[in-house]
Amino acid sequence: MSFAVAVTVAGAVTSTRNLRAMNARGPAHQARHEPTGKSAKPTAARKTTARNDQRVLLTLDQVLAELGGPHGPLPRSTWSDWQLKGKGPKVIKLPNGQIRVTRDDLNDWLDSLTRDPAAR
C-alpha cells in the first residue's frame, strides 16, 4: 500500500489517508486545526534561551570529542579506564543507561588538572 502526500488548507503536510479521515469527520473537526490568524504563544519547546538554573548536560560523545585531539575523539576505553580509577569527571547515569556530564563538572575537572609550570 502506498501513501501520497497532500497539503491541507492550513498548510500542514499529511498523507492522503489522513486527509480522507479528516474530511470524513466533517468541517467542525477541520476548523480546529486551521490557524486563527493570531500568532501562537511560544511554547517551552520553541524557546532557545537557556534558563540560569538549568544544567547544561553533555553526552558522552560530546565529552569525548572535546577531550580528544587532532586525530579524533578520546577513545571510550580510555574514558572507561579513567572512570574505573576515579580519575575522570563526575557523571550522571540516566535510567536508560546513558551517561551525561554537566558542563560545570567537566570544567571543574579540567581546572583541577591545570598546573602552573612556574609553581614547583
C-alpha atoms as a PDB file:
ATOM      1  CA  MET A   1       0.000   0.000   0.000  1.00  0.00           C
ATOM      2  CA  SER A   2       1.460   3.363  -0.931  1.00  0.00           C
ATOM      3  CA  PHE A   3       0.581   6.722   0.523  1.00  0.00           C
ATOM      4  CA  ALA A   4       0.674  10.033  -1.275  1.00  0.00           C
ATOM      5  CA  VAL A   5       1.414  13.286   0.480  1.00  0.00           C
ATOM      6  CA  ALA A   6      -1.088  16.141   0.465  1.00  0.00           C
ATOM      7  CA  VAL A   7      -1.120  19.634   1.878  1.00  0.00           C
ATOM      8  CA  THR A   8      -4.126  20.675   3.959  1.00  0.00           C
ATOM      9  CA  VAL A   9      -5.808  24.075   3.790  1.00  0.00           C
ATOM     10  CA  ALA A  10      -3.830  25.071   6.892  1.00  0.00           C
ATOM     11  CA  GLY A  11      -0.578  24.290   5.079  1.00  0.00           C
ATOM     12  CA  ALA A  12       0.305  21.162   7.058  1.00  0.00           C
ATOM     13  CA  VAL A  13       1.708  18.191   5.200  1.00  0.00           C
ATOM     14  CA  THR A  14      -0.235  14.979   5.721  1.00  0.00           C
ATOM     15  CA  SER A  15      -0.864  11.723   3.923  1.00  0.00           C
ATOM     16  CA  THR A  16      -3.916  11.413   1.699  1.00  0.00           C
ATOM     17  CA  ARG A  17      -5.129   8.707   4.056  1.00  0.00           C
ATOM     18  CA  ASN A  18      -5.162  11.196   6.954  1.00  0.00           C
ATOM     19  CA  LEU A  19      -6.698  13.851   4.711  1.00  0.00           C
ATOM     20  CA  ARG A  20      -9.568  11.492   3.803  1.00  0.00           C
ATOM     21  CA  ALA A  21     -10.085  10.731   7.509  1.00  0.00           C
ATOM     22  CA  MET A  22     -10.211  14.467   8.301  1.00  0.00           C
ATOM     23  CA  ASN A  23     -12.754  15.030   5.519  1.00  0.00           C
ATOM     24  CA  ALA A  24     -14.870  12.140   6.793  1.00  0.00           C
ATOM     25  CA  ARG A  25     -15.057  13.745  10.248  1.00  0.00           C
ATOM     26  CA  GLY A  26     -16.543  16.905   8.811  1.00  0.00           C
ATOM     27  CA  PRO A  27     -15.764  20.622   8.766  1.00  0.00           C
ATOM     28  CA  ALA A  28     -16.062  21.093  12.551  1.00  0.00           C
ATOM     29  CA  HIS A  29     -13.015  18.913  13.107  1.00  0.00           C
ATOM     30  CA  GLN A  30     -11.011  20.631  10.368  1.00  0.00           C
ATOM     31  CA  ALA A  31     -11.763  24.100  11.707  1.00  0.00           C
ATOM     32  CA  ARG A  32      -9.977  23.301  14.975  1.00  0.00           C
ATOM     33  CA  HIS A  33      -6.761  22.607  13.105  1.00  0.00           C
ATOM     34  CA  GLU A  34      -6.738  25.681  10.887  1.00  0.00           C
ATOM     35  CA  PRO A  35      -4.694  28.695  12.019  1.00  0.00           C
ATOM     36  CA  THR A  36      -6.666  31.526  13.602  1.00  0.00           C
ATOM     37  CA  GLY A  37      -4.530  34.305  12.209  1.00  0.00           C
ATOM     38  CA  LYS A  38      -3.214  35.176  15.655  1.00  0.00           C
ATOM     39  CA  SER A  39       0.392  34.458  16.394  1.00  0.00           C
ATOM     40  CA  ALA A  40       0.731  31.438  18.604  1.00  0.00           C
ATOM     41  CA  LYS A  41       2.328  31.800  22.003  1.00  0.00           C
ATOM     42  CA  PRO A  42       5.835  30.350  22.108  1.00  0.00           C
ATOM     43  CA  THR A  43       5.964  27.026  23.855  1.00  0.00           C
ATOM     44  CA  ALA A  44       8.753  25.680  26.020  1.00  0.00           C
ATOM     45  CA  ALA A  45       9.983  23.566  23.103  1.00  0.00           C
ATOM     46  CA  ARG A  46      10.384  26.654  20.921  1.00  0.00           C
ATOM     47  CA  LYS A  47      12.386  28.670  23.438  1.00  0.00           C
ATOM     48  CA  THR A  48      16.050  28.789  22.592  1.00  0.00           C
ATOM     49  CA  THR A  49      17.310  30.694  25.609  1.00  0.00           C
ATOM     50  CA  ALA A  50      18.568  28.575  28.484  1.00  0.00           C
ATOM     51  CA  ARG A  51      17.404  29.346  31.973  1.00  0.00           C
ATOM     52  CA  ASN A  52      20.094  30.171  34.503  1.00  0.00           C
ATOM     53  CA  ASP A  53      19.009  27.392  36.857  1.00  0.00           C
ATOM     54  CA  GLN A  54      19.247  24.619  34.248  1.00  0.00           C
ATOM     55  CA  ARG A  55      22.235  22.304  33.992  1.00  0.00           C
ATOM     56  CA  VAL A  56      23.964  22.035  30.662  1.00  0.00           C
ATOM     57  CA  LEU A  57      24.266  18.290  30.083  1.00  0.00           C
ATOM     58  CA  LEU A  58      26.773  16.911  27.601  1.00  0.00           C
ATOM     59  CA  THR A  59      26.513  13.489  26.032  1.00  0.00           C
ATOM     60  CA  LEU A  60      29.452  11.130  26.342  1.00  0.00           C
ATOM     61  CA  ASP A  61      30.208  11.596  22.633  1.00  0.00           C
ATOM     62  CA  GLN A  62      30.373  15.385  23.118  1.00  0.00           C
ATOM     63  CA  VAL A  63      32.753  14.987  26.074  1.00  0.00           C
ATOM     64  CA  LEU A  64      34.967  12.525  24.193  1.00  0.00           C
ATOM     65  CA  ALA A  65      35.121  14.865  21.199  1.00  0.00           C
ATOM     66  CA  GLU A  66      36.100  17.780  23.441  1.00  0.00           C
ATOM     67  CA  LEU A  67      38.788  15.784  25.244  1.00  0.00           C
ATOM     68  CA  GLY A  68      40.160  14.264  22.050  1.00  0.00           C
ATOM     69  CA  GLY A  69      42.948  15.580  19.922  1.00  0.00           C
ATOM     70  CA  PRO A  70      43.504  16.364  16.269  1.00  0.00           C
ATOM     71  CA  HIS A  71      43.255  12.673  15.352  1.00  0.00           C
ATOM     72  CA  GLY A  72      39.752  12.195  16.716  1.00  0.00           C
ATOM     73  CA  PRO A  73      37.814  11.856  19.930  1.00  0.00           C
ATOM     74  CA  LEU A  74      39.204  10.343  23.109  1.00  0.00           C
ATOM     75  CA  PRO A  75      38.786   6.541  22.941  1.00  0.00           C
ATOM     76  CA  ARG A  76      35.963   5.096  25.023  1.00  0.00           C
ATOM     77  CA  SER A  77      38.414   2.595  26.514  1.00  0.00           C
ATOM     78  CA  THR A  78      40.466   5.483  27.956  1.00  0.00           C
ATOM     79  CA  TRP A  79      37.306   7.076  29.326  1.00  0.00           C
ATOM     80  CA  SER A  80      36.310   3.763  30.949  1.00  0.00           C
ATOM     81  CA  ASP A  81      39.779   3.380  32.495  1.00  0.00           C
ATOM     82  CA  TRP A  82      39.612   6.888  33.948  1.00  0.00           C
ATOM     83  CA  GLN A  83      36.173   6.213  35.415  1.00  0.00           C
ATOM     84  CA  LEU A  84      37.258   2.896  36.964  1.00  0.00           C
ATOM     85  CA  LYS A  85      40.295   4.579  38.537  1.00  0.00           C
ATOM     86  CA  GLY A  86      38.225   7.537  39.767  1.00  0.00           C
ATOM     87  CA  LYS A  87      40.261   9.983  37.668  1.00  0.00           C
ATOM     88  CA  GLY A  88      37.514  11.279  35.383  1.00  0.00           C
ATOM     89  CA  PRO A  89      34.867  13.954  35.875  1.00  0.00           C
ATOM     90  CA  LYS A  90      31.645  13.289  37.775  1.00  0.00           C
ATOM     91  CA  VAL A  91      28.992  11.635  35.631  1.00  0.00           C
ATOM     92  CA  ILE A  92      25.221  11.308  35.677  1.00  0.00           C
ATOM     93  CA  LYS A  93      23.914   7.890  34.704  1.00  0.00           C
ATOM     94  CA  LEU A  94      20.381   8.159  33.348  1.00  0.00           C
ATOM     95  CA  PRO A  95      17.783   5.400  33.942  1.00  0.00           C
ATOM     96  CA  ASN A  96      18.221   4.258  30.324  1.00  0.00           C
ATOM     97  CA  GLY A  97      21.948   3.700  30.960  1.00  0.00           C
ATOM     98  CA  GLN A  98      23.200   6.731  29.022  1.00  0.00           C
ATOM     99  CA  ILE A  99      25.927   8.879  30.544  1.00  0.00           C
ATOM    100  CA  ARG A 100      25.786  12.665  30.857  1.00  0.00           C
ATOM    101  CA  VAL A 101      28.364  15.102  32.218  1.00  0.00           C
ATOM    102  CA  THR A 102      27.434  18.607  33.301  1.00  0.00           C
ATOM    103  CA  ARG A 103      29.395  21.400  31.682  1.00  0.00           C
ATOM    104  CA  ASP A 104      30.327  22.723  35.154  1.00  0.00           C
ATOM    105  CA  ASP A 105      31.638  19.313  36.315  1.00  0.00           C
ATOM    106  CA  LEU A 106      33.716  18.915  33.167  1.00  0.00           C
ATOM    107  CA  ASN A 107      35.168  22.422  33.515  1.00  0.00           C
ATOM    108  CA  ASP A 108      35.893  21.876  37.241  1.00  0.00           C
ATOM    109  CA  TRP A 109      37.635  18.596  36.470  1.00  0.00           C
ATOM    110  CA  LEU A 110      39.716  20.190  33.713  1.00  0.00           C
ATOM    111  CA  ASP A 111      40.609  23.065  36.063  1.00  0.00           C
ATOM    112  CA  SER A 112      41.781  20.539  38.660  1.00  0.00           C
ATOM    113  CA  LEU A 113      44.214  19.128  36.080  1.00  0.00           C
ATOM    114  CA  THR A 114      45.657  22.538  35.240  1.00  0.00           C
ATOM    115  CA  ARG A 115      49.112  23.165  36.686  1.00  0.00           C
ATOM    116  CA  ASP A 116      51.194  26.299  36.711  1.00  0.00           C
ATOM    117  CA  PRO A 117      54.614  25.449  35.273  1.00  0.00           C
ATOM    118  CA  ALA A 118      56.242  28.169  37.405  1.00  0.00           C
ATOM    119  CA  ALA A 119      54.985  26.605  40.654  1.00  0.00           C
ATOM    120  CA  ARG A 120      57.047  23.558  41.563  1.00  0.00           C
END
